[in-house]
Protein backbone atom coordinates (compact mmCIF):
# COMPACT_ATOMS: atom_id res chain seq x y z
CA UNK A 1 -84.55 180.92 -15.11
CA UNK A 2 -84.50 182.54 -18.56
CA UNK A 3 -81.05 183.10 -20.05
CA UNK A 4 -81.18 185.80 -22.72
CA UNK A 5 -78.20 186.32 -24.99
CA UNK A 6 -76.67 185.87 -28.41
CA UNK A 7 -74.90 183.00 -30.20
CA UNK A 8 -72.78 182.23 -27.15
CA UNK A 9 -75.91 181.63 -25.08
CA UNK A 10 -77.46 179.73 -27.97
CA UNK A 11 -74.50 177.37 -27.73
CA UNK A 12 -72.43 178.15 -30.82
CA UNK A 13 -68.92 176.75 -30.44
CA UNK A 14 -69.98 173.79 -28.31
CA UNK A 15 -69.63 170.29 -29.69
CA UNK A 16 -73.35 169.70 -29.17
CA UNK A 17 -75.49 172.75 -28.32
CA UNK A 18 -78.14 170.60 -26.66
CA UNK A 19 -75.83 169.09 -24.07
CA UNK A 20 -72.60 171.14 -24.19
CA UNK A 21 -73.82 174.75 -24.14
CA UNK A 22 -73.28 176.66 -20.91
CA UNK A 23 -77.06 176.91 -20.47
CA UNK A 24 -77.37 173.12 -20.69
CA UNK A 25 -74.51 172.72 -18.21
CA UNK A 26 -76.18 175.22 -15.89
CA UNK A 27 -79.39 173.17 -15.98
CA UNK A 28 -77.42 170.07 -14.94
CA UNK A 29 -75.69 171.93 -12.13
CA UNK A 30 -78.95 173.33 -10.75
CA UNK A 31 -80.85 170.07 -11.06
CA UNK A 32 -84.52 169.19 -11.67
CA UNK A 33 -85.95 171.78 -9.25
CA UNK A 34 -85.08 174.47 -11.82
CA UNK A 35 -86.20 175.03 -15.39
CA UNK A 36 -83.52 176.86 -17.37
CA UNK A 37 -84.77 178.27 -20.67
CA UNK A 38 -82.20 178.99 -23.37
CA UNK A 39 -83.22 182.29 -25.01
CA UNK A 40 -80.06 182.85 -27.02
CA UNK A 41 -80.36 184.25 -30.54
CA UNK A 42 -77.31 184.36 -32.78
CA UNK A 43 -75.91 187.75 -33.91
CA UNK A 44 -78.29 189.70 -31.67
CA UNK A 45 -77.45 192.93 -29.89
CA UNK A 46 -78.87 195.21 -27.22
CA UNK A 47 -78.61 198.36 -29.30
CA UNK A 48 -81.01 199.02 -32.14
CA UNK A 49 -79.87 200.24 -35.56
CA UNK A 50 -77.59 197.21 -35.56
CA UNK A 51 -77.65 194.10 -37.70
CA UNK A 52 -80.09 192.25 -35.44
CA UNK A 53 -81.50 193.84 -32.26
CA UNK A 54 -82.80 191.40 -29.63
CA UNK A 55 -85.85 193.56 -28.95
CA UNK A 56 -87.53 192.52 -32.23
CA UNK A 57 -86.92 188.78 -31.87
CA UNK A 58 -89.69 186.26 -31.16
CA UNK A 59 -87.51 184.63 -28.48
CA UNK A 60 -87.55 187.89 -26.49
CA UNK A 61 -91.35 187.77 -26.21
CA UNK A 62 -91.27 184.02 -25.67
CA UNK A 63 -88.90 184.52 -22.74
CA UNK A 64 -91.34 186.97 -21.14
CA UNK A 65 -94.24 184.54 -21.56
CA UNK A 66 -92.06 181.89 -19.91
CA UNK A 67 -92.70 183.82 -16.68
CA UNK A 68 -89.18 183.49 -15.23
CA UNK A 69 -88.34 184.03 -11.57
CA UNK A 70 -84.82 185.02 -12.62
CA UNK A 71 -83.36 186.37 -15.85
CA UNK A 72 -79.68 185.99 -16.63
CA UNK A 73 -78.95 188.92 -18.95
CA UNK A 74 -76.06 187.84 -21.19
CA UNK A 75 -76.44 190.22 -24.14
CA UNK A 76 -73.63 192.57 -25.15
CA UNK A 77 -70.96 190.73 -27.13
CA UNK A 78 -72.26 191.84 -30.52
CA UNK A 79 -72.65 195.42 -29.32
CA UNK A 80 -68.91 195.43 -28.62
CA UNK A 81 -67.90 195.86 -32.24
CA UNK A 82 -66.26 199.14 -33.18
CA UNK A 83 -68.67 199.50 -36.12
CA UNK A 84 -71.47 199.85 -33.53
CA UNK A 85 -69.67 201.11 -30.45
CA UNK A 86 -67.72 203.99 -31.97
CA UNK A 87 -70.76 205.93 -33.08
CA UNK A 88 -72.88 208.68 -31.59
CA UNK A 89 -76.66 208.45 -31.25
CA UNK A 90 -79.77 210.45 -30.46
CA UNK A 91 -83.34 209.42 -29.71
CA UNK A 92 -85.81 211.17 -31.97
CA UNK A 93 -87.14 211.50 -35.54
CA UNK A 94 -84.98 211.56 -38.66
CA UNK A 95 -84.97 214.14 -41.44
CA UNK A 96 -87.62 212.16 -43.35
CA UNK A 97 -89.65 210.60 -40.54
CA UNK A 98 -91.50 211.65 -37.41
CA UNK A 99 -91.03 208.24 -35.76
CA UNK A 100 -88.91 208.53 -32.63
CA UNK A 101 -86.25 205.87 -32.21
CA UNK A 102 -82.54 205.52 -31.55
CA UNK A 103 -80.59 206.81 -34.53
CA UNK A 104 -76.92 206.85 -35.46
CA UNK A 105 -75.13 210.04 -36.48
CA UNK A 106 -71.75 209.66 -38.13
CA UNK A 107 -69.47 212.44 -36.92
CA UNK A 108 -66.00 212.89 -38.39
CA UNK A 109 -62.89 213.04 -36.23
CA UNK A 110 -59.61 214.82 -36.89
CA UNK A 111 -56.18 213.22 -36.69
CA UNK A 112 -56.14 213.76 -32.91
CA UNK A 113 -59.45 211.97 -32.40
CA UNK A 114 -61.48 215.13 -31.78
CA UNK A 115 -64.93 215.54 -33.29
CA UNK A 116 -65.13 217.98 -36.22
CA UNK A 117 -67.80 220.67 -36.45
CA UNK A 118 -69.55 220.45 -39.78
CA UNK A 119 -72.44 222.14 -41.65
CA UNK A 120 -74.38 220.87 -44.65
CA UNK A 121 -76.42 223.23 -46.83
CA UNK A 122 -79.67 222.35 -48.58
CA UNK A 123 -80.55 223.29 -52.15
CA UNK A 124 -82.17 226.51 -50.92
CA UNK A 125 -78.91 227.46 -49.18
CA UNK A 126 -80.43 226.91 -45.73
CA UNK A 127 -78.65 224.79 -43.14
CA UNK A 128 -79.98 221.23 -43.29
CA UNK A 129 -77.66 219.56 -40.77
CA UNK A 130 -75.05 220.90 -38.38
CA UNK A 131 -72.61 219.34 -35.92
CA UNK A 132 -71.37 221.58 -33.11
CA UNK A 133 -68.82 220.66 -30.47
CA UNK A 134 -68.64 222.24 -27.03
CA UNK A 135 -66.04 220.64 -24.73
CA UNK A 136 -67.32 217.07 -24.22
CA UNK A 137 -70.75 217.73 -25.76
CA UNK A 138 -71.55 217.07 -29.41
CA UNK A 139 -74.83 218.55 -30.69
CA UNK A 140 -76.68 217.59 -33.85
CA UNK A 141 -79.13 219.94 -35.59
CA UNK A 142 -81.26 219.08 -38.61
CA UNK A 143 -84.19 220.49 -40.55
CA UNK A 144 -86.77 217.81 -41.38
CA UNK A 145 -88.56 217.52 -44.71
CA UNK A 146 -91.66 219.09 -43.19
CA UNK A 147 -89.64 222.18 -42.25
CA UNK A 148 -89.47 221.45 -38.52
CA UNK A 149 -86.14 221.98 -36.78
CA UNK A 150 -84.58 219.61 -34.26
CA UNK A 151 -81.53 219.79 -32.01
CA UNK A 152 -80.16 216.86 -30.01
CA UNK A 153 -77.23 216.30 -27.73
CA UNK A 154 -75.59 213.15 -29.04
CA UNK A 155 -74.87 210.31 -26.64
CA UNK A 156 -72.11 207.73 -26.90
CA UNK A 157 -72.70 204.02 -27.32
CA UNK A 158 -72.09 203.29 -23.64
CA UNK A 159 -75.03 205.41 -22.51
CA UNK A 160 -77.24 204.14 -25.31
CA UNK A 161 -76.32 200.55 -24.41
CA UNK A 162 -77.11 201.12 -20.71
CA UNK A 163 -80.44 202.79 -21.49
CA UNK A 164 -81.57 200.11 -23.90
CA UNK A 165 -80.25 197.21 -21.82
CA UNK A 166 -82.17 198.45 -18.78
CA UNK A 167 -85.27 198.86 -20.93
CA UNK A 168 -84.96 195.26 -22.15
CA UNK A 169 -84.40 193.95 -18.62
CA UNK A 170 -87.28 195.88 -17.06
CA UNK A 171 -89.76 194.21 -19.39
CA UNK A 172 -89.39 191.10 -17.23
CA UNK A 173 -90.99 193.00 -14.36
CA UNK A 174 -93.79 194.74 -16.20
CA UNK A 175 -95.04 194.13 -19.73
CA UNK A 176 -98.18 193.68 -21.74
CA UNK A 177 -97.52 190.01 -22.48
CA UNK A 178 -97.42 188.55 -18.99
CA UNK A 179 -99.49 189.98 -16.15
CA UNK A 180 -97.42 187.98 -13.64
CA UNK A 181 -94.04 189.42 -14.66
CA UNK A 182 -91.86 189.51 -11.55
CA UNK A 183 -88.34 188.37 -12.46
CA UNK A 184 -85.12 189.33 -10.70
CA UNK A 185 -82.35 190.30 -13.13
CA UNK A 186 -78.72 189.16 -13.01
CA UNK A 187 -76.27 190.54 -15.57
CA UNK A 188 -73.77 188.00 -16.93
CA UNK A 189 -70.89 189.88 -18.51
CA UNK A 190 -69.20 189.57 -21.87
CA UNK A 191 -65.89 187.76 -22.21
CA UNK A 192 -62.57 188.66 -23.78
CA UNK A 193 -62.07 187.94 -27.49
CA UNK A 194 -58.91 186.83 -29.25
CA UNK A 195 -57.17 186.57 -32.62
CA UNK A 196 -58.98 187.71 -35.76
CA UNK A 197 -62.31 187.87 -33.90
CA UNK A 198 -60.67 190.16 -31.37
CA UNK A 199 -59.96 192.62 -34.17
CA UNK A 200 -63.69 192.94 -34.95
CA UNK A 201 -65.34 192.32 -31.57
CA UNK A 202 -62.82 194.75 -30.11
CA UNK A 203 -64.88 196.79 -27.64
CA UNK A 204 -65.58 194.02 -25.13
CA UNK A 205 -63.79 195.81 -22.29
CA UNK A 206 -65.95 198.90 -22.84
CA UNK A 207 -69.09 196.76 -23.02
CA UNK A 208 -68.05 195.00 -19.81
CA UNK A 209 -67.76 198.35 -18.03
CA UNK A 210 -71.16 199.44 -19.38
CA UNK A 211 -72.76 196.21 -18.14
CA UNK A 212 -71.41 196.89 -14.65
CA UNK A 213 -73.04 200.33 -14.73
CA UNK A 214 -76.44 198.83 -15.59
CA UNK A 215 -76.92 197.76 -11.97
CA UNK A 216 -76.03 201.17 -10.58
CA UNK A 217 -78.82 202.71 -12.65
CA UNK A 218 -81.42 199.96 -12.20
CA UNK A 219 -82.67 198.79 -8.79
CA UNK A 220 -84.27 195.74 -10.45
CA UNK A 221 -80.84 194.26 -11.19
CA UNK A 222 -79.74 192.23 -8.19
CA UNK A 223 -76.39 190.87 -9.33
CA UNK A 224 -73.44 191.01 -11.72
CA UNK A 225 -71.43 187.99 -12.88
CA UNK A 226 -67.89 188.80 -14.03
CA UNK A 227 -66.95 186.53 -16.93
CA UNK A 228 -64.41 188.94 -18.40
CA UNK A 229 -61.83 188.57 -15.63
CA UNK A 230 -62.10 184.79 -15.88
CA UNK A 231 -61.14 184.89 -19.57
CA UNK A 232 -58.48 187.62 -19.31
CA UNK A 233 -55.88 185.02 -18.35
CA UNK A 234 -56.14 183.47 -21.82
CA UNK A 235 -54.01 184.98 -24.56
CA UNK A 236 -52.07 183.99 -27.66
CA UNK A 237 -49.03 182.58 -25.90
CA UNK A 238 -48.36 178.87 -25.58
CA UNK A 239 -48.96 178.55 -21.85
CA UNK A 240 -52.49 179.97 -21.64
CA UNK A 241 -53.49 179.89 -25.28
CA UNK A 242 -57.07 181.01 -25.87
CA UNK A 243 -57.88 177.77 -27.73
CA UNK A 244 -58.20 176.15 -24.30
CA UNK A 245 -61.38 178.20 -23.98
CA UNK A 246 -62.38 179.03 -27.57
CA UNK A 247 -61.62 177.60 -30.99
CA UNK A 248 -62.42 180.74 -32.98
CA UNK A 249 -61.52 183.46 -30.48
CA UNK A 250 -65.13 184.51 -29.91
CA UNK A 251 -67.38 181.57 -29.04
CA UNK A 252 -66.46 179.23 -26.17
CA UNK A 253 -65.74 175.65 -27.16
CA UNK A 254 -67.22 172.80 -25.10
CA UNK A 255 -64.56 173.29 -22.43
CA UNK A 256 -65.21 177.04 -22.44
CA UNK A 257 -68.96 176.55 -22.10
CA UNK A 258 -68.35 174.30 -19.09
CA UNK A 259 -66.07 176.89 -17.45
CA UNK A 260 -68.62 179.62 -18.15
CA UNK A 261 -71.43 177.55 -16.62
CA UNK A 262 -69.32 176.86 -13.54
CA UNK A 263 -68.63 180.57 -13.10
CA UNK A 264 -72.31 181.48 -13.36
CA UNK A 265 -73.38 178.62 -11.09
CA UNK A 266 -70.80 179.52 -8.46
CA UNK A 267 -72.08 183.09 -8.42
CA UNK A 268 -75.79 182.36 -8.19
CA UNK A 269 -75.43 179.51 -5.69
CA UNK A 270 -73.29 181.69 -3.46
CA UNK A 271 -75.27 184.93 -3.74
CA UNK A 272 -78.85 183.82 -4.29
CA UNK A 273 -78.91 180.97 -1.77
CA UNK A 274 -80.63 178.68 -4.26
CA UNK A 275 -81.41 175.16 -3.14
CA UNK A 276 -79.87 172.39 -5.26
CA UNK A 277 -79.88 168.61 -4.96
CA UNK A 278 -76.61 168.80 -3.02
């Protein structure tokens, strides 16, 4: 079982990442018949054009070479920041490059939250970029340095996240690094965030909903583990204060890692009929 994720999967927040991370707890719960590989990489995201996309990390390729039977897909927390999530994207070249990749387009909004149509003129008075809005559709036009013209319908972060997450997951079934790739994919959802961290990592609910949609668009995903609902009961009141689960409002503490491991184990043991020592 390969567990791919970010700092939470890596074990940040636990007293000892080697023995107190949720991946380490999961290994203990499953027992010696299973080999659970921690493929967490701190600060990583699904979406590209972010601080640190998972798709370019060595651990991503290492996890494919590991030849897992199952992959627990736990990426998404870092994507759920408004600085990433509240942007529009297109897949294609830029004004100065022919390389096709996911690109961000910053589109202004008015005081009511509606996108603003906007045109930029080049030195020769020709239109270099143009934003047009038609109902729910936002279209981006630009003229590249070589004179070619391009028009793209912009997509929101949710659709970009789903597309790229499915692309990442599908590599565990067919890739150029492991001829035996055959893994079954289980999505393990993001959790709620609190306090100051909750002000930055503030799109977790939207990311959670996007993760649920991954399975509806990808027949290779066989399950979805809901960690968000489990953590919704924690808040900033005295009775269920979030510090029971997390010290910093983002990463689980040792107790939180144990609760997270239990939730994942309960799901996979119930739905995958895995044999354990018990």
